[in-house]
């Protein structure tokens, strides 16, 4: 029979992971089988710099956490060596980092994820990774918002120059 202290530790881990699943806006599940220590360290570094938490979990603990977080649809992806990346703020960045790293290292394979509380497959994670970053999207929005004002300013300037040119001729 399992030690009471061990059960308590595992139950705490399950509740922590369940909380992370509930709080994160994007969670990515990946198989890291075949990555060496240096590669895993590099992946962790890239994710940490982006504010993403990366954990290697036992599948039984992860399944209990998904049950607590009401995300049991994720259980089918919890097979083999499983690593999970949690991001509270950004949706695109973890998907982008994980898929880019998987392109460079064939041993990492992104399985699925949870985006805004919905379980999604690899195809949706890949589509998410192809989106521009939050800053890029904001920059595009700003350009679109500035275009009418810029066009109006150019039209006013052209009218002023035309009137100025007409006044000089007379």
Protein backbone atom coordinates (compact mmCIF):
# COMPACT_ATOMS: atom_id res chain seq x y z
CA UNK A 1 0.00 0.00 0.00
CA UNK A 2 1.23 3.47 -0.85
CA UNK A 3 2.66 5.71 1.78
CA UNK A 4 0.26 8.45 3.00
CA UNK A 5 2.94 11.09 2.40
CA UNK A 6 3.42 9.93 -1.20
CA UNK A 7 -0.32 10.02 -1.82
CA UNK A 8 -0.48 13.54 -0.41
CA UNK A 9 2.38 14.71 -2.65
CA UNK A 10 0.81 13.18 -5.75
CA UNK A 11 -2.59 14.62 -4.92
CA UNK A 12 -1.01 18.06 -4.53
CA UNK A 13 0.72 17.64 -7.91
CA UNK A 14 -2.58 16.66 -9.55
CA UNK A 15 -4.36 19.71 -8.15
CA UNK A 16 -1.49 22.01 -9.21
CA UNK A 17 -1.56 20.66 -12.77
CA UNK A 18 -5.37 20.88 -12.86
CA UNK A 19 -5.15 24.53 -11.75
CA UNK A 20 -2.58 25.22 -14.47
CA UNK A 21 -4.84 23.60 -17.06
CA UNK A 22 -7.76 25.77 -15.95
CA UNK A 23 -5.74 29.01 -15.75
CA UNK A 24 -3.67 28.72 -18.91
CA UNK A 25 -4.90 30.22 -22.13
CA UNK A 26 -2.80 27.77 -24.15
CA UNK A 27 -1.49 24.35 -23.19
CA UNK A 28 0.59 22.22 -25.57
CA UNK A 29 1.08 18.45 -25.11
CA UNK A 30 4.15 16.93 -26.76
CA UNK A 31 6.07 13.67 -26.97
CA UNK A 32 9.74 14.32 -26.23
CA UNK A 33 11.00 10.73 -26.67
CA UNK A 34 14.51 10.78 -28.14
CA UNK A 35 15.50 14.32 -27.14
CA UNK A 36 18.78 14.50 -25.28
CA UNK A 37 19.35 16.60 -22.16
CA UNK A 38 20.88 19.50 -24.10
CA UNK A 39 17.89 19.66 -26.46
CA UNK A 40 15.35 19.57 -23.61
CA UNK A 41 17.35 22.26 -21.80
CA UNK A 42 17.33 24.45 -24.93
CA UNK A 43 13.55 23.98 -25.33
CA UNK A 44 12.96 24.82 -21.65
CA UNK A 45 15.13 27.95 -22.04
CA UNK A 46 13.20 29.18 -25.08
CA UNK A 47 9.87 28.57 -23.36
CA UNK A 48 10.97 30.16 -20.07
CA UNK A 49 12.14 33.30 -21.89
CA UNK A 50 8.65 33.56 -23.41
CA UNK A 51 6.96 33.14 -20.02
CA UNK A 52 5.81 29.58 -20.69
CA UNK A 53 6.08 26.84 -18.06
CA UNK A 54 7.25 23.41 -19.27
CA UNK A 55 6.74 20.21 -17.26
CA UNK A 56 7.34 16.52 -17.81
CA UNK A 57 4.50 14.58 -16.20
CA UNK A 58 3.50 11.00 -15.61
CA UNK A 59 0.46 10.20 -17.71
CA UNK A 60 -1.55 8.88 -14.76
CA UNK A 61 -1.09 12.16 -12.89
CA UNK A 62 -1.87 14.15 -16.04
CA UNK A 63 -5.07 12.13 -16.63
CA UNK A 64 -6.24 12.77 -13.07
CA UNK A 65 -5.52 16.48 -13.56
CA UNK A 66 -7.48 16.58 -16.83
CA UNK A 67 -10.40 14.90 -15.07
CA UNK A 68 -10.27 17.56 -12.31
CA UNK A 69 -10.07 20.32 -14.93
CA UNK A 70 -12.92 18.76 -16.97
CA UNK A 71 -10.64 18.28 -19.99
CA UNK A 72 -10.86 14.49 -20.30
CA UNK A 73 -10.82 14.77 -24.10
CA UNK A 74 -7.08 15.40 -23.75
CA UNK A 75 -6.55 11.92 -22.25
CA UNK A 76 -6.24 10.22 -25.65
CA UNK A 77 -3.05 12.24 -26.27
CA UNK A 78 -1.48 11.35 -22.92
CA UNK A 79 0.49 8.32 -24.05
CA UNK A 80 4.23 7.75 -24.05
CA UNK A 81 6.64 10.30 -22.61
CA UNK A 82 4.58 13.44 -22.14
CA UNK A 83 5.69 17.02 -21.68
CA UNK A 84 3.24 19.86 -21.25
CA UNK A 85 3.79 23.58 -21.85
CA UNK A 86 1.47 26.01 -20.01
CA UNK A 87 1.01 29.66 -20.99
CA UNK A 88 -1.28 31.95 -19.03
CA UNK A 89 -1.03 35.04 -21.23
CA UNK A 90 -0.11 34.27 -24.81
CA UNK A 91 -1.79 31.75 -27.08
CA UNK A 92 0.45 31.95 -30.14
CA UNK A 93 3.95 31.97 -28.62
CA UNK A 94 3.99 28.48 -27.03
CA UNK A 95 2.54 26.94 -30.20
CA UNK A 96 5.12 28.78 -32.30
CA UNK A 97 8.07 27.78 -30.09
CA UNK A 98 7.02 24.13 -29.82
CA UNK A 99 6.31 23.65 -33.55
CA UNK A 100 9.49 25.49 -34.59
CA UNK A 101 11.52 23.33 -32.20
CA UNK A 102 9.79 20.20 -33.55
CA UNK A 103 10.79 21.20 -37.11
CA UNK A 104 14.45 21.36 -36.07
CA UNK A 105 14.34 18.25 -33.85
CA UNK A 106 12.39 15.31 -35.25
CA UNK A 107 12.28 13.66 -31.81
CA UNK A 108 9.84 16.25 -30.46
CA UNK A 109 6.31 15.81 -31.72
CA UNK A 110 3.46 18.09 -30.78
CA UNK A 111 0.38 15.95 -30.10
CA UNK A 112 -2.41 18.32 -29.15
CA UNK A 113 -3.31 21.13 -26.81
CA UNK A 114 -5.91 23.16 -25.01
CA UNK A 115 -6.68 26.62 -26.34
CA UNK A 116 -9.02 28.84 -24.32
CA UNK A 117 -10.51 25.77 -22.60
CA UNK A 118 -11.08 23.69 -25.77
CA UNK A 119 -9.06 20.60 -26.66
CA UNK A 120 -7.53 20.93 -30.14
CA UNK A 121 -5.45 18.61 -32.29
CA UNK A 122 -2.08 19.09 -33.93
CA UNK A 123 -3.56 20.76 -37.02
CA UNK A 124 -5.10 23.57 -34.96
CA UNK A 125 -1.86 24.01 -32.99
CA UNK A 126 0.05 24.23 -36.30
CA UNK A 127 -2.43 26.81 -37.64
CA UNK A 128 -2.03 28.78 -34.41
CA UNK A 129 1.76 28.68 -34.75
CA UNK A 130 1.50 30.12 -38.25
CA UNK A 131 -0.28 33.24 -36.95
CA UNK A 132 1.75 36.37 -36.32
CA UNK A 133 2.64 37.12 -32.71
CA UNK A 134 0.47 39.35 -30.54
CA UNK A 135 2.77 42.30 -31.21
CA UNK A 136 2.62 41.63 -34.96
CA UNK A 137 -1.19 41.53 -34.89
CA UNK A 138 -1.33 44.78 -32.91
CA UNK A 139 1.05 46.39 -35.40
CA UNK A 140 -1.18 45.31 -38.29
CA UNK A 141 -4.25 46.67 -36.51
CA UNK A 142 -2.51 49.98 -35.87
CA UNK A 143 -1.56 50.27 -39.55
CA UNK A 144 -5.16 49.64 -40.59
CA UNK A 145 -6.44 52.24 -38.12
CA UNK A 146 -3.89 54.85 -39.22
CA UNK A 147 -4.53 54.44 -42.97
CA UNK A 148 -7.74 56.58 -43.17
CA UNK A 149 -6.16 59.41 -41.17
CA UNK A 150 -3.02 59.30 -43.33
CA UNK A 151 -5.10 59.31 -46.55
CA UNK A 152 -7.17 62.26 -45.27
CA UNK A 153 -3.99 64.19 -44.42
CA UNK A 154 -2.59 63.55 -47.89
CA UNK A 155 -5.86 64.71 -49.52
CA UNK A 156 -5.88 67.93 -47.45
CA UNK A 157 -2.24 68.55 -48.35
CA UNK A 158 -2.98 68.00 -52.08
CA UNK A 159 -5.93 70.43 -51.97
CA UNK A 160 -3.79 73.01 -50.15
CA UNK A 161 -0.98 72.66 -52.70
CA UNK A 162 -3.46 72.98 -55.58
CA UNK A 163 -4.98 76.15 -54.11
CA UNK A 164 -1.50 77.53 -53.43
CA UNK A 165 -0.48 76.82 -57.00
CA UNK A 166 -3.66 78.49 -58.35
CA UNK A 167 -3.04 81.58 -56.20
CA UNK A 168 0.54 81.96 -57.51
CA UNK A 169 -0.62 81.78 -61.14
CA UNK A 170 -3.14 84.58 -60.69
